[in-house]
């Protein structure tokens, strides 16, 4: 074999290898799915689900309302119909939607129709925004949670719709180091988040409701 033919063969083999890697990455990326849920404060839901193996990203935002691209102020003002929500991107080869739904119910108080923990009002209500392929699993998870608690679960399973990410300030709040001014003085976002979560009583209520089945207590 001549040097020229050898070079061409090597180049061809490398091209095929690169193509296979690119195809594998593309195919893997195409398998990712999303689940959108509302569980009160979106900082807390984001923080909880980013700990789950197979979850690639959790984004804080808004769902279920009638106003396009709402601001945080508009949503918390109660005029848009949106919930504070989190869109969870996950690899179904690593974690299935049934597991995520089970974790979701056991990380909230699904018996509370007026908000969650210290956060009251429509924007802090719980909900699952299910795609057609997720609706059956969501209803089954709700029924199982209700049977396990022996109480009425008020978390609705709603039709999925537009999801609007919140502004950068609210993303990854639970682990950001940026300094903000709180009523207790300057704190990093991460420390302010922990102080808020403790004061709001989220973990205490979830623990009281779900006991050892609460997956994120102490997060």
Protein backbone atom coordinates (compact mmCIF):
# COMPACT_ATOMS: atom_id res chain seq x y z
CA UNK A 1 0.00 0.00 0.00
CA UNK A 2 1.39 3.38 -0.95
CA UNK A 3 1.86 6.16 1.56
CA UNK A 4 -0.87 8.16 -0.16
CA UNK A 5 -3.36 5.28 0.06
CA UNK A 6 -2.43 4.69 3.70
CA UNK A 7 -3.04 8.35 4.49
CA UNK A 8 -6.44 8.25 2.76
CA UNK A 9 -7.39 5.13 4.69
CA UNK A 10 -6.46 6.73 8.02
CA UNK A 11 -8.38 9.91 7.20
CA UNK A 12 -11.44 7.88 6.20
CA UNK A 13 -11.30 5.86 9.41
CA UNK A 14 -11.02 9.02 11.50
CA UNK A 15 -13.94 10.60 9.65
CA UNK A 16 -16.10 7.54 10.32
CA UNK A 17 -15.12 7.54 13.99
CA UNK A 18 -15.91 11.24 14.39
CA UNK A 19 -19.22 10.72 12.63
CA UNK A 20 -20.16 7.85 14.94
CA UNK A 21 -19.32 9.90 18.04
CA UNK A 22 -21.35 12.86 16.76
CA UNK A 23 -24.26 10.57 15.91
CA UNK A 24 -24.12 8.96 19.35
CA UNK A 25 -24.12 12.36 21.07
CA UNK A 26 -27.00 13.59 18.92
CA UNK A 27 -29.01 10.42 19.49
CA UNK A 28 -28.41 10.65 23.24
CA UNK A 29 -29.44 14.31 23.31
CA UNK A 30 -32.64 13.46 21.48
CA UNK A 31 -33.64 11.02 24.23
CA UNK A 32 -33.88 13.71 26.92
CA UNK A 33 -37.38 14.53 28.18
CA UNK A 34 -38.92 17.23 30.34
CA UNK A 35 -41.38 17.25 33.21
CA UNK A 36 -42.88 20.50 34.50
CA UNK A 37 -44.15 20.72 38.07
CA UNK A 38 -45.17 23.41 40.54
CA UNK A 39 -44.30 22.82 44.18
CA UNK A 40 -44.34 26.20 45.86
CA UNK A 41 -41.08 28.15 45.88
CA UNK A 42 -39.28 27.26 42.67
CA UNK A 43 -35.86 27.72 44.29
CA UNK A 44 -36.61 24.74 46.53
CA UNK A 45 -38.00 22.49 43.80
CA UNK A 46 -35.01 23.27 41.58
CA UNK A 47 -32.59 22.55 44.43
CA UNK A 48 -34.26 19.23 45.22
CA UNK A 49 -34.45 17.82 41.71
CA UNK A 50 -30.97 18.80 40.62
CA UNK A 51 -29.78 16.22 43.18
CA UNK A 52 -31.54 13.36 41.39
CA UNK A 53 -29.41 11.01 39.30
CA UNK A 54 -30.51 11.26 35.67
CA UNK A 55 -31.74 14.85 35.96
CA UNK A 56 -29.66 17.01 33.67
CA UNK A 57 -31.14 20.40 34.54
CA UNK A 58 -33.93 22.03 36.53
CA UNK A 59 -35.02 25.51 35.47
CA UNK A 60 -37.13 27.87 37.59
CA UNK A 61 -39.95 29.62 35.78
CA UNK A 62 -43.68 30.01 35.33
CA UNK A 63 -46.45 27.84 33.87
CA UNK A 64 -50.21 27.66 33.66
CA UNK A 65 -51.05 31.32 33.15
CA UNK A 66 -52.43 33.50 30.40
CA UNK A 67 -49.71 36.17 30.06
CA UNK A 68 -46.79 35.56 27.73
CA UNK A 69 -43.31 36.04 29.20
CA UNK A 70 -44.49 37.20 32.63
CA UNK A 71 -42.14 38.80 35.11
CA UNK A 72 -41.64 37.51 38.65
CA UNK A 73 -43.40 40.61 39.98
CA UNK A 74 -46.40 40.05 37.73
CA UNK A 75 -46.73 36.40 38.74
CA UNK A 76 -46.39 36.97 42.48
CA UNK A 77 -48.81 39.86 42.16
CA UNK A 78 -51.45 37.27 41.27
CA UNK A 79 -52.65 38.78 38.01
CA UNK A 80 -51.39 36.28 35.43
CA UNK A 81 -52.68 32.91 36.61
CA UNK A 82 -49.20 31.42 36.57
CA UNK A 83 -47.68 29.04 39.06
CA UNK A 84 -44.06 29.19 40.12
CA UNK A 85 -42.88 26.08 38.32
CA UNK A 86 -39.77 24.10 37.49
CA UNK A 87 -39.04 22.38 34.21
CA UNK A 88 -36.99 19.24 34.84
CA UNK A 89 -34.89 17.88 31.98
CA UNK A 90 -34.00 14.23 32.49
CA UNK A 91 -32.59 11.18 30.77
CA UNK A 92 -35.30 8.48 30.81
CA UNK A 93 -32.59 5.84 30.45
CA UNK A 94 -31.41 6.85 33.94
CA UNK A 95 -34.59 7.92 35.71
CA UNK A 96 -38.17 7.45 34.58
CA UNK A 97 -41.05 9.90 34.86
CA UNK A 98 -42.83 7.68 37.39
CA UNK A 99 -39.90 8.01 39.78
CA UNK A 100 -39.76 11.77 39.33
CA UNK A 101 -43.50 12.07 40.00
CA UNK A 102 -43.18 9.97 43.14
CA UNK A 103 -40.31 12.16 44.36
CA UNK A 104 -42.32 15.27 43.56
CA UNK A 105 -45.36 14.31 45.62
CA UNK A 106 -43.14 13.36 48.55
CA UNK A 107 -41.32 16.69 48.47
CA UNK A 108 -44.45 18.87 48.84
CA UNK A 109 -47.66 19.12 50.85
CA UNK A 110 -50.19 18.00 48.23
CA UNK A 111 -53.07 18.47 50.68
CA UNK A 112 -52.66 22.27 50.78
CA UNK A 113 -54.77 24.16 48.22
CA UNK A 114 -53.71 27.65 49.31
CA UNK A 115 -49.97 27.59 48.62
CA UNK A 116 -47.01 25.81 50.16
CA UNK A 117 -45.67 26.18 53.67
CA UNK A 118 -45.10 29.88 54.47
CA UNK A 119 -45.78 30.94 50.86
CA UNK A 120 -49.45 31.64 50.34
CA UNK A 121 -51.39 32.56 47.22
CA UNK A 122 -52.22 31.15 43.80
CA UNK A 123 -48.70 31.34 42.39
CA UNK A 124 -47.45 28.99 45.13
CA UNK A 125 -50.02 26.24 44.56
CA UNK A 126 -48.91 22.79 43.48
CA UNK A 127 -49.58 21.22 40.08
CA UNK A 128 -48.25 18.83 37.47
CA UNK A 129 -48.23 20.09 33.89
CA UNK A 130 -48.36 16.78 32.08
CA UNK A 131 -47.81 16.04 28.43
CA UNK A 132 -50.27 13.55 26.87
CA UNK A 133 -47.76 10.73 27.39
CA UNK A 134 -47.28 11.70 31.06
CA UNK A 135 -50.92 12.17 32.05
CA UNK A 136 -51.65 8.57 33.02
CA UNK A 137 -48.48 8.31 35.11
CA UNK A 138 -49.28 11.62 36.80
CA UNK A 139 -52.82 10.53 37.70
CA UNK A 140 -51.55 7.21 39.03
CA UNK A 141 -48.89 8.95 41.12
CA UNK A 142 -51.54 11.28 42.54
CA UNK A 143 -53.86 8.39 43.40
CA UNK A 144 -51.04 6.49 45.10
CA UNK A 145 -50.00 9.55 47.11
CA UNK A 146 -53.59 10.04 48.25
CA UNK A 147 -53.89 6.39 49.27
CA UNK A 148 -50.61 6.52 51.14
CA UNK A 149 -51.52 9.70 53.03
CA UNK A 150 -55.16 8.80 53.63
CA UNK A 151 -55.97 12.44 52.85
CA UNK A 152 -57.34 14.28 49.83
CA UNK A 153 -54.59 15.30 47.43
CA UNK A 154 -55.53 18.61 45.81
CA UNK A 155 -52.57 18.87 43.42
CA UNK A 156 -54.14 18.99 39.94
CA UNK A 157 -52.83 17.26 36.85
CA UNK A 158 -53.05 19.96 34.20
CA UNK A 159 -52.39 19.97 30.47
CA UNK A 160 -48.87 21.06 29.63
CA UNK A 161 -48.47 24.44 27.99
CA UNK A 162 -45.92 27.22 27.61
CA UNK A 163 -43.17 27.36 30.20
CA UNK A 164 -41.41 30.68 30.73
CA UNK A 165 -38.02 30.63 32.47
CA UNK A 166 -37.59 33.18 35.26
CA UNK A 167 -34.85 35.78 34.97
CA UNK A 168 -31.22 34.93 35.69
CA UNK A 169 -31.46 36.21 39.28
CA UNK A 170 -33.70 33.27 40.22
CA UNK A 171 -31.78 30.48 38.48
CA UNK A 172 -29.54 28.31 40.69
CA UNK A 173 -30.36 30.61 43.59
CA UNK A 174 -29.74 27.86 46.13
CA UNK A 175 -26.07 27.52 45.21
CA UNK A 176 -25.06 30.99 43.99
CA UNK A 177 -22.42 32.95 45.86
CA UNK A 178 -23.52 36.43 44.83
CA UNK A 179 -24.17 38.76 47.78
CA UNK A 180 -27.67 40.13 48.28
CA UNK A 181 -29.19 42.30 50.99
CA UNK A 182 -31.61 40.48 53.27
CA UNK A 183 -33.46 41.58 56.40
CA UNK A 184 -30.64 39.92 58.32
CA UNK A 185 -27.98 41.88 56.45
CA UNK A 186 -25.81 40.97 53.44
CA UNK A 187 -25.70 37.26 52.65
CA UNK A 188 -24.75 35.06 49.74
CA UNK A 189 -27.71 33.75 47.78
CA UNK A 190 -26.91 30.23 48.99
CA UNK A 191 -27.01 31.27 52.66
CA UNK A 192 -30.12 33.40 52.13
CA UNK A 193 -31.81 30.42 50.48
CA UNK A 194 -31.00 28.09 53.37
CA UNK A 195 -32.23 30.63 55.91
CA UNK A 196 -35.46 31.06 53.93
CA UNK A 197 -36.04 27.32 53.57
CA UNK A 198 -35.52 26.71 57.28
CA UNK A 199 -37.74 29.63 58.32
CA UNK A 200 -40.49 28.65 55.88
CA UNK A 201 -40.83 25.23 57.51
CA UNK A 202 -40.74 23.28 54.25
CA UNK A 203 -38.64 20.36 55.42
CA UNK A 204 -40.37 20.16 58.80
CA UNK A 205 -43.82 19.91 57.21
CA UNK A 206 -42.74 17.43 54.55
CA UNK A 207 -41.10 15.27 57.20
CA UNK A 208 -44.22 15.39 59.36
CA UNK A 209 -46.40 14.44 56.38
CA UNK A 210 -44.27 11.80 54.67
CA UNK A 211 -41.91 10.58 57.38
CA UNK A 212 -39.10 8.39 56.06
CA UNK A 213 -40.56 8.60 52.54
CA UNK A 214 -39.61 12.28 52.28
CA UNK A 215 -36.68 12.17 49.83
CA UNK A 216 -35.13 15.62 50.14
CA UNK A 217 -35.48 16.57 53.80
CA UNK A 218 -32.38 18.33 54.95
CA UNK A 219 -31.63 19.65 51.43
